[in-house]
Amino acid sequence: ILNCSFLTWSDILRRCALFFLLFLNAATSLAQPVSITGRAQGQAGQLVRVIVYADQFSRLEQTIASTRTDADGLFEMEVEIEKTNYAFLAVGLKKGEFYLRPGAHYEFIILQDSTSGRQSIFDELPLQFTLNAKDEGLNRAIGDYNIMYNRFIYMNATRIYKGRSGQLITDFEAKAKEQFRETGDAYFINYLKYSFAS
């Protein structure tokens, strides 16, 4: 127990106020801005949203930023986030996925959909875009790993299904860790761990 008998009440209140201000400043400085720009070709006046899951289990969606495209299809928005999120960019009723990292910049070029209206709503493609992400390589690393993972599952589905895959999975895990050893992003490292477990 500290002996605070030498402090007056005003000193104690002043120190508490200082602690509270420092704590509040630290808490608010955790969020970092993310800038998102892009062009939706031939889609003037369209609603553009950035969506994340408010809850991973129920997959309840939450819009964290929105704007409309201008006459040329251009859009720009900024949002502050505290941690990396699996996210969607939605233009109108279509959406496509990406990974949203604090402090990053994303530039989207949304391709004009030439198939819309010619097929069932169940057969429609997700939002088609090219992405230039300044996010320390996170989206590229996840994309490259997903290709590697999907190829592995496709080539070894029978052995995995029959449960004769212990060494096969161990070898794949070692190969993936070696290939992505320079990607130190904590989100990506956890992404690998969960995919190995699945």
Foldseek 3Di string as FASTA:
>chain_A
DDDPVVDDPVRVVVVVVVVVVVVVVVVVVLWAKEKEKEFEAPFAFWKKFKWFQPDPPVSHIDTQDIDTAHPRRIDIDMGIDRAKTWIWIDTHHAIDIFIDGGPKYKYKYWYDDPCPPVDDPVPDDGTDIDMDIRHQCPRVLVVVVVVVLVVLCVVCVVCVVVVNCPVVLVVSLVVSCVVCVVVPDPVVVVVSVVSSVD
